[in-house]
Amino acid sequence: MNVKLTTGVWEIYDKPFKGLTCYKQTIVINDSEKKGSKDYLDSLVHEAIHASRKDFTEAEVIRLAKDITAVLWSLGIRRQG
């Protein structure tokens, strides 16, 4: 799957570990996490922040991802399929 961010078009892959943002326009997400789960959504948001804001520390990314995930989750945002 591809997604367009302000920093370019990024490819997203499901792979067997928590998450990774590669600065060659690739985001890798753990394919063993349940795709409709809050942890999966948090991983996607977390890696998207890394892709968008390379200057943020890991602590800043964690905090922001948790906040964004909480808002999206409370609105019923889930990955389908």
PDB file of N, CA and C in Angstrom:
ATOM      1  N   MET A   1       0.855  -1.167   0.000  1.00  0.00           N
ATOM      2  CA  MET A   1       0.000   0.000   0.000  1.00  0.00           C
ATOM      3  C   MET A   1       0.907   1.239   0.000  1.00  0.00           C
ATOM      4  N   ASN A   2       0.511   2.271  -0.682  1.00  0.00           N
ATOM      5  CA  ASN A   2       1.239   3.536  -0.686  1.00  0.00           C
ATOM      6  C   ASN A   2       0.389   4.624  -0.051  1.00  0.00           C
ATOM      7  N   VAL A   3       1.054   5.577   0.589  1.00  0.00           N
ATOM      8  CA  VAL A   3       0.366   6.714   1.185  1.00  0.00           C
ATOM      9  C   VAL A   3       1.185   7.967   0.880  1.00  0.00           C
ATOM     10  N   LYS A   4       0.507   9.047   0.524  1.00  0.00           N
ATOM     11  CA  LYS A   4       1.197  10.297   0.235  1.00  0.00           C
ATOM     12  C   LYS A   4       1.217  11.159   1.495  1.00  0.00           C
ATOM     13  N   LEU A   5       2.427  11.498   1.955  1.00  0.00           N
ATOM     14  CA  LEU A   5       2.619  12.402   3.085  1.00  0.00           C
ATOM     15  C   LEU A   5       3.247  13.684   2.566  1.00  0.00           C
ATOM     16  N   THR A   6       3.398  14.654   3.412  1.00  0.00           N
ATOM     17  CA  THR A   6       4.037  15.904   2.979  1.00  0.00           C
ATOM     18  C   THR A   6       5.496  15.694   2.614  1.00  0.00           C
ATOM     19  N   THR A   7       6.091  14.592   3.070  1.00  0.00           N
ATOM     20  CA  THR A   7       7.494  14.293   2.777  1.00  0.00           C
ATOM     21  C   THR A   7       7.652  13.356   1.582  1.00  0.00           C
ATOM     22  N   GLY A   8       6.576  13.063   0.876  1.00  0.00           N
ATOM     23  CA  GLY A   8       6.641  12.215  -0.307  1.00  0.00           C
ATOM     24  C   GLY A   8       5.696  11.032  -0.213  1.00  0.00           C
ATOM     25  N   VAL A   9       5.775  10.156  -1.198  1.00  0.00           N
ATOM     26  CA  VAL A   9       4.960   8.948  -1.216  1.00  0.00           C
ATOM     27  C   VAL A   9       5.732   7.839  -0.519  1.00  0.00           C
ATOM     28  N   TRP A  10       5.080   7.196   0.438  1.00  0.00           N
ATOM     29  CA  TRP A  10       5.697   6.140   1.248  1.00  0.00           C
ATOM     30  C   TRP A  10       4.990   4.832   0.984  1.00  0.00           C
ATOM     31  N   GLU A  11       5.759   3.734   0.967  1.00  0.00           N
ATOM     32  CA  GLU A  11       5.199   2.394   0.879  1.00  0.00           C
ATOM     33  C   GLU A  11       5.016   1.868   2.293  1.00  0.00           C
ATOM     34  N   ILE A  12       3.913   1.150   2.530  1.00  0.00           N
ATOM     35  CA  ILE A  12       3.656   0.549   3.834  1.00  0.00           C
ATOM     36  C   ILE A  12       3.569  -0.963   3.650  1.00  0.00           C
ATOM     37  N   TYR A  13       4.343  -1.698   4.454  1.00  0.00           N
ATOM     38  CA  TYR A  13       4.374  -3.159   4.410  1.00  0.00           C
ATOM     39  C   TYR A  13       4.021  -3.720   5.773  1.00  0.00           C
ATOM     40  N   ASP A  14       3.343  -4.876   5.786  1.00  0.00           N
ATOM     41  CA  ASP A  14       3.109  -5.626   7.018  1.00  0.00           C
ATOM     42  C   ASP A  14       4.221  -6.653   7.148  1.00  0.00           C
ATOM     43  N   LYS A  15       5.002  -6.578   8.228  1.00  0.00           N
ATOM     44  CA  LYS A  15       6.120  -7.498   8.455  1.00  0.00           C
ATOM     45  C   LYS A  15       6.136  -7.918   9.924  1.00  0.00           C
ATOM     46  N   PRO A  16       6.892  -8.973  10.275  1.00  0.00           N
ATOM     47  CA  PRO A  16       6.836  -9.532  11.632  1.00  0.00           C
ATOM     48  C   PRO A  16       7.681  -8.823  12.692  1.00  0.00           C
ATOM     49  N   PHE A  17       7.493  -7.547  12.937  1.00  0.00           N
ATOM     50  CA  PHE A  17       8.031  -6.850  14.094  1.00  0.00           C
ATOM     51  C   PHE A  17       7.244  -5.581  14.323  1.00  0.00           C
ATOM     52  N   LYS A  18       7.449  -4.916  15.452  1.00  0.00           N
ATOM     53  CA  LYS A  18       6.578  -3.832  15.911  1.00  0.00           C
ATOM     54  C   LYS A  18       6.367  -2.742  14.865  1.00  0.00           C
ATOM     55  N   GLY A  19       7.425  -2.148  14.409  1.00  0.00           N
ATOM     56  CA  GLY A  19       7.289  -1.103  13.404  1.00  0.00           C
ATOM     57  C   GLY A  19       8.634  -0.490  13.103  1.00  0.00           C
ATOM     58  N   LEU A  20       8.768   0.050  11.921  1.00  0.00           N
ATOM     59  CA  LEU A  20      10.029   0.623  11.493  1.00  0.00           C
ATOM     60  C   LEU A  20       9.755   1.628  10.400  1.00  0.00           C
ATOM     61  N   THR A  21      10.384   2.782  10.476  1.00  0.00           N
ATOM     62  CA  THR A  21      10.323   3.750   9.402  1.00  0.00           C
ATOM     63  C   THR A  21      11.698   3.817   8.773  1.00  0.00           C
ATOM     64  N   CYS A  22      11.762   3.541   7.497  1.00  0.00           N
ATOM     65  CA  CYS A  22      13.018   3.626   6.765  1.00  0.00           C
ATOM     66  C   CYS A  22      12.980   4.913   5.958  1.00  0.00           C
ATOM     67  N   TYR A  23      14.070   5.627   5.928  1.00  0.00           N
ATOM     68  CA  TYR A  23      14.045   6.901   5.234  1.00  0.00           C
ATOM     69  C   TYR A  23      14.282   6.763   3.739  1.00  0.00           C
ATOM     70  N   LYS A  24      13.966   5.582   3.217  1.00  0.00           N
ATOM     71  CA  LYS A  24      13.889   5.372   1.780  1.00  0.00           C
ATOM     72  C   LYS A  24      12.417   5.230   1.412  1.00  0.00           C
ATOM     73  N   GLN A  25      11.590   5.982   2.102  1.00  0.00           N
ATOM     74  CA  GLN A  25      10.157   6.063   1.839  1.00  0.00           C
ATOM     75  C   GLN A  25       9.428   4.735   2.085  1.00  0.00           C
ATOM     76  N   THR A  26       9.793   4.030   3.147  1.00  0.00           N
ATOM     77  CA  THR A  26       9.139   2.768   3.481  1.00  0.00           C
ATOM     78  C   THR A  26       8.769   2.733   4.958  1.00  0.00           C
ATOM     79  N   ILE A  27       7.567   2.268   5.244  1.00  0.00           N
ATOM     80  CA  ILE A  27       7.104   2.036   6.610  1.00  0.00           C
ATOM     81  C   ILE A  27       6.771   0.552   6.712  1.00  0.00           C
ATOM     82  N   VAL A  28       7.290  -0.115   7.741  1.00  0.00           N
ATOM     83  CA  VAL A  28       7.044  -1.543   7.940  1.00  0.00           C
ATOM     84  C   VAL A  28       6.301  -1.708   9.269  1.00  0.00           C
ATOM     85  N   ILE A  29       5.191  -2.436   9.241  1.00  0.00           N
ATOM     86  CA  ILE A  29       4.345  -2.638  10.426  1.00  0.00           C
ATOM     87  C   ILE A  29       4.234  -4.133  10.697  1.00  0.00           C
ATOM     88  N   ASN A  30       4.142  -4.511  11.966  1.00  0.00           N
ATOM     89  CA  ASN A  30       4.049  -5.909  12.390  1.00  0.00           C
ATOM     90  C   ASN A  30       2.786  -6.564  11.844  1.00  0.00           C
ATOM     91  N   ASP A  31       2.962  -7.592  11.009  1.00  0.00           N
ATOM     92  CA  ASP A  31       1.805  -8.267  10.441  1.00  0.00           C
ATOM     93  C   ASP A  31       1.159  -9.266  11.398  1.00  0.00           C
ATOM     94  N   SER A  32       1.778  -9.496  12.563  1.00  0.00           N
ATOM     95  CA  SER A  32       1.177 -10.428  13.520  1.00  0.00           C
ATOM     96  C   SER A  32       0.221  -9.726  14.482  1.00  0.00           C
ATOM     97  N   GLU A  33       0.277  -8.387  14.537  1.00  0.00           N
ATOM     98  CA  GLU A  33      -0.693  -7.658  15.365  1.00  0.00           C
ATOM     99  C   GLU A  33      -2.055  -7.713  14.680  1.00  0.00           C
ATOM    100  N   LYS A  34      -3.094  -7.803  15.460  1.00  0.00           N
ATOM    101  CA  LYS A  34      -4.440  -7.811  14.905  1.00  0.00           C
ATOM    102  C   LYS A  34      -4.690  -6.478  14.207  1.00  0.00           C
ATOM    103  N   LYS A  35      -5.052  -6.537  12.941  1.00  0.00           N
ATOM    104  CA  LYS A  35      -5.136  -5.333  12.128  1.00  0.00           C
ATOM    105  C   LYS A  35      -6.221  -4.353  12.561  1.00  0.00           C
ATOM    106  N   GLY A  36      -7.207  -4.786  13.319  1.00  0.00           N
ATOM    107  CA  GLY A  36      -8.218  -3.862  13.808  1.00  0.00           C
ATOM    108  C   GLY A  36      -7.949  -3.377  15.217  1.00  0.00           C
ATOM    109  N   SER A  37      -6.771  -3.746  15.770  1.00  0.00           N
ATOM    110  CA  SER A  37      -6.492  -3.439  17.172  1.00  0.00           C
ATOM    111  C   SER A  37      -5.976  -2.013  17.366  1.00  0.00           C
ATOM    112  N   LYS A  38      -6.094  -1.552  18.589  1.00  0.00           N
ATOM    113  CA  LYS A  38      -5.588  -0.235  18.934  1.00  0.00           C
ATOM    114  C   LYS A  38      -4.069  -0.197  18.832  1.00  0.00           C
ATOM    115  N   ASP A  39      -3.386  -1.286  19.197  1.00  0.00           N
ATOM    116  CA  ASP A  39      -1.921  -1.337  19.068  1.00  0.00           C
ATOM    117  C   ASP A  39      -1.484  -1.204  17.618  1.00  0.00           C
ATOM    118  N   TYR A  40      -2.201  -1.847  16.703  1.00  0.00           N
ATOM    119  CA  TYR A  40      -1.873  -1.755  15.283  1.00  0.00           C
ATOM    120  C   TYR A  40      -2.038  -0.313  14.802  1.00  0.00           C
ATOM    121  N   LEU A  41      -3.148   0.314  15.181  1.00  0.00           N
ATOM    122  CA  LEU A  41      -3.378   1.712  14.806  1.00  0.00           C
ATOM    123  C   LEU A  41      -2.280   2.600  15.375  1.00  0.00           C
ATOM    124  N   ASP A  42      -1.908   2.372  16.637  1.00  0.00           N
ATOM    125  CA  ASP A  42      -0.847   3.160  17.258  1.00  0.00           C
ATOM    126  C   ASP A  42       0.476   2.995  16.509  1.00  0.00           C
ATOM    127  N   SER A  43       0.785   1.771  16.088  1.00  0.00           N
ATOM    128  CA  SER A  43       2.015   1.539  15.328  1.00  0.00           C
ATOM    129  C   SER A  43       2.005   2.290  14.004  1.00  0.00           C
ATOM    130  N   LEU A  44       0.876   2.269  13.312  1.00  0.00           N
ATOM    131  CA  LEU A  44       0.769   3.004  12.051  1.00  0.00           C
ATOM    132  C   LEU A  44       0.954   4.504  12.255  1.00  0.00           C
ATOM    133  N   VAL A  45       0.277   5.043  13.258  1.00  0.00           N
ATOM    134  CA  VAL A  45       0.385   6.475  13.548  1.00  0.00           C
ATOM    135  C   VAL A  45       1.816   6.822  13.952  1.00  0.00           C
ATOM    136  N   HIS A  46       2.408   6.005  14.813  1.00  0.00           N
ATOM    137  CA  HIS A  46       3.775   6.218  15.299  1.00  0.00           C
ATOM    138  C   HIS A  46       4.758   6.301  14.123  1.00  0.00           C
ATOM    139  N   GLU A  47       4.680   5.330  13.225  1.00  0.00           N
ATOM    140  CA  GLU A  47       5.614   5.307  12.097  1.00  0.00           C
ATOM    141  C   GLU A  47       5.336   6.425  11.099  1.00  0.00           C
ATOM    142  N   ALA A  48       4.079   6.802  10.949  1.00  0.00           N
ATOM    143  CA  ALA A  48       3.750   7.936  10.067  1.00  0.00           C
ATOM    144  C   ALA A  48       4.331   9.242  10.609  1.00  0.00           C
ATOM    145  N   ILE A  49       4.319   9.396  11.935  1.00  0.00           N
ATOM    146  CA  ILE A  49       4.931  10.589  12.537  1.00  0.00           C
ATOM    147  C   ILE A  49       6.429  10.588  12.278  1.00  0.00           C
ATOM    148  N   HIS A  50       7.084   9.441  12.460  1.00  0.00           N
ATOM    149  CA  HIS A  50       8.518   9.360  12.142  1.00  0.00           C
ATOM    150  C   HIS A  50       8.770   9.766  10.696  1.00  0.00           C
ATOM    151  N   ALA A  51       7.920   9.308   9.788  1.00  0.00           N
ATOM    152  CA  ALA A  51       8.090   9.611   8.366  1.00  0.00           C
ATOM    153  C   ALA A  51       7.903  11.101   8.083  1.00  0.00           C
ATOM    154  N   SER A  52       6.982  11.715   8.816  1.00  0.00           N
ATOM    155  CA  SER A  52       6.668  13.124   8.583  1.00  0.00           C
ATOM    156  C   SER A  52       7.589  14.089   9.314  1.00  0.00           C
ATOM    157  N   ARG A  53       8.056  13.691  10.495  1.00  0.00           N
ATOM    158  CA  ARG A  53       8.854  14.581  11.338  1.00  0.00           C
ATOM    159  C   ARG A  53      10.120  13.883  11.790  1.00  0.00           C
ATOM    160  N   LYS A  54      11.113  13.877  10.950  1.00  0.00           N
ATOM    161  CA  LYS A  54      12.378  13.204  11.251  1.00  0.00           C
ATOM    162  C   LYS A  54      13.136  13.862  12.400  1.00  0.00           C
ATOM    163  N   ASP A  55      12.751  15.087  12.740  1.00  0.00           N
ATOM    164  CA  ASP A  55      13.433  15.818  13.808  1.00  0.00           C
ATOM    165  C   ASP A  55      12.872  15.510  15.204  1.00  0.00           C
ATOM    166  N   PHE A  56      11.739  14.806  15.293  1.00  0.00           N
ATOM    167  CA  PHE A  56      11.150  14.489  16.589  1.00  0.00           C
ATOM    168  C   PHE A  56      11.955  13.390  17.282  1.00  0.00           C
ATOM    169  N   THR A  57      12.085  13.504  18.600  1.00  0.00           N
ATOM    170  CA  THR A  57      12.707  12.425  19.380  1.00  0.00           C
ATOM    171  C   THR A  57      11.726  11.261  19.479  1.00  0.00           C
ATOM    172  N   GLU A  58      12.226  10.099  19.884  1.00  0.00           N
ATOM    173  CA  GLU A  58      11.355   8.936  20.061  1.00  0.00           C
ATOM    174  C   GLU A  58      10.289   9.221  21.118  1.00  0.00           C
ATOM    175  N   ALA A  59      10.659   9.920  22.181  1.00  0.00           N
ATOM    176  CA  ALA A  59       9.692  10.253  23.237  1.00  0.00           C
ATOM    177  C   ALA A  59       8.581  11.156  22.692  1.00  0.00           C
ATOM    178  N   GLU A  60       8.939  12.112  21.857  1.00  0.00           N
ATOM    179  CA  GLU A  60       7.930  12.998  21.257  1.00  0.00           C
ATOM    180  C   GLU A  60       7.001  12.209  20.337  1.00  0.00           C
ATOM    181  N   VAL A  61       7.566  11.312  19.560  1.00  0.00           N
ATOM    182  CA  VAL A  61       6.759  10.493  18.648  1.00  0.00           C
ATOM    183  C   VAL A  61       5.802   9.602  19.433  1.00  0.00           C
ATOM    184  N   ILE A  62       6.295   8.966  20.481  1.00  0.00           N
ATOM    185  CA  ILE A  62       5.446   8.101  21.313  1.00  0.00           C
ATOM    186  C   ILE A  62       4.277   8.888  21.898  1.00  0.00           C
ATOM    187  N   ARG A  63       4.566  10.039  22.485  1.00  0.00           N
ATOM    188  CA  ARG A  63       3.519  10.860  23.103  1.00  0.00           C
ATOM    189  C   ARG A  63       2.478  11.297  22.074  1.00  0.00           C
ATOM    190  N   LEU A  64       2.940  11.820  20.953  1.00  0.00           N
ATOM    191  CA  LEU A  64       2.025  12.310  19.926  1.00  0.00           C
ATOM    192  C   LEU A  64       1.208  11.172  19.315  1.00  0.00           C
ATOM    193  N   ALA A  65       1.850  10.040  19.046  1.00  0.00           N
ATOM    194  CA  ALA A  65       1.134   8.896  18.479  1.00  0.00           C
ATOM    195  C   ALA A  65       0.040   8.407  19.422  1.00  0.00           C
ATOM    196  N   LYS A  66       0.343   8.336  20.708  1.00  0.00           N
ATOM    197  CA  LYS A  66      -0.662   7.885  21.675  1.00  0.00           C
ATOM    198  C   LYS A  66      -1.862   8.836  21.702  1.00  0.00           C
ATOM    199  N   ASP A  67      -1.597  10.142  21.645  1.00  0.00           N
ATOM    200  CA  ASP A  67      -2.684  11.122  21.638  1.00  0.00           C
ATOM    201  C   ASP A  67      -3.532  11.013  20.368  1.00  0.00           C
ATOM    202  N   ILE A  68      -2.877  10.932  19.211  1.00  0.00           N
ATOM    203  CA  ILE A  68      -3.614  10.832  17.945  1.00  0.00           C
ATOM    204  C   ILE A  68      -4.398   9.531  17.893  1.00  0.00           C
ATOM    205  N   THR A  69      -3.766   8.437  18.326  1.00  0.00           N
ATOM    206  CA  THR A  69      -4.446   7.145  18.342  1.00  0.00           C
ATOM    207  C   THR A  69      -5.676   7.189  19.245  1.00  0.00           C
ATOM    208  N   ALA A  70      -5.551   7.813  20.404  1.00  0.00           N
ATOM    209  CA  ALA A  70      -6.689   7.915  21.329  1.00  0.00           C
ATOM    210  C   ALA A  70      -7.853   8.656  20.684  1.00  0.00           C
ATOM    211  N   VAL A  71      -7.556   9.735  19.972  1.00  0.00           N
ATOM    212  CA  VAL A  71      -8.615  10.498  19.300  1.00  0.00           C
ATOM    213  C   VAL A  71      -9.262   9.656  18.196  1.00  0.00           C
ATOM    214  N   LEU A  72      -8.445   9.059  17.323  1.00  0.00           N
ATOM    215  CA  LEU A  72      -8.981   8.246  16.231  1.00  0.00           C
ATOM    216  C   LEU A  72      -9.796   7.071  16.760  1.00  0.00           C
ATOM    217  N   TRP A  73      -9.273   6.409  17.807  1.00  0.00           N
ATOM    218  CA  TRP A  73      -9.961   5.257  18.398  1.00  0.00           C
ATOM    219  C   TRP A  73     -11.305   5.667  18.985  1.00  0.00           C
ATOM    220  N   SER A  74     -11.312   6.820  19.668  1.00  0.00           N
ATOM    221  CA  SER A  74     -12.573   7.287  20.278  1.00  0.00           C
ATOM    222  C   SER A  74     -13.615   7.644  19.238  1.00  0.00           C
ATOM    223  N   LEU A  75     -13.172   7.971  18.026  1.00  0.00           N
ATOM    224  CA  LEU A  75     -14.093   8.278  16.923  1.00  0.00           C
ATOM    225  C   LEU A  75     -14.518   7.031  16.148  1.00  0.00           C
ATOM    226  N   GLY A  76     -13.991   5.872  16.557  1.00  0.00           N
ATOM    227  CA  GLY A  76     -14.372   4.625  15.910  1.00  0.00           C
ATOM    228  C   GLY A  76     -13.546   4.262  14.686  1.00  0.00           C
ATOM    229  N   ILE A  77     -12.406   4.924  14.508  1.00  0.00           N
ATOM    230  CA  ILE A  77     -11.545   4.635  13.354  1.00  0.00           C
ATOM    231  C   ILE A  77     -10.882   3.286  13.566  1.00  0.00           C
ATOM    232  N   ARG A  78     -11.097   2.344  12.630  1.00  0.00           N
ATOM    233  CA  ARG A  78     -10.517   1.012  12.685  1.00  0.00           C
ATOM    234  C   ARG A  78     -10.080   0.626  11.287  1.00  0.00           C
ATOM    235  N   ARG A  79      -9.097  -0.238  11.207  1.00  0.00           N
ATOM    236  CA  ARG A  79      -8.716  -0.761   9.886  1.00  0.00           C
ATOM    237  C   ARG A  79      -9.621  -1.931   9.566  1.00  0.00           C
ATOM    238  N   GLN A  80     -10.213  -1.896   8.424  1.00  0.00           N
ATOM    239  CA  GLN A  80     -11.087  -2.970   7.960  1.00  0.00           C
ATOM    240  C   GLN A  80     -10.344  -3.804   6.925  1.00  0.00           C
ATOM    241  N   GLY A  81     -10.402  -5.120   7.077  1.00  0.00           N
ATOM    242  CA  GLY A  81      -9.817  -6.030   6.087  1.00  0.00           C
ATOM    243  C   GLY A  81      -8.351  -6.221   6.208  1.00  0.00           C
TER     244      GLY A  81
END
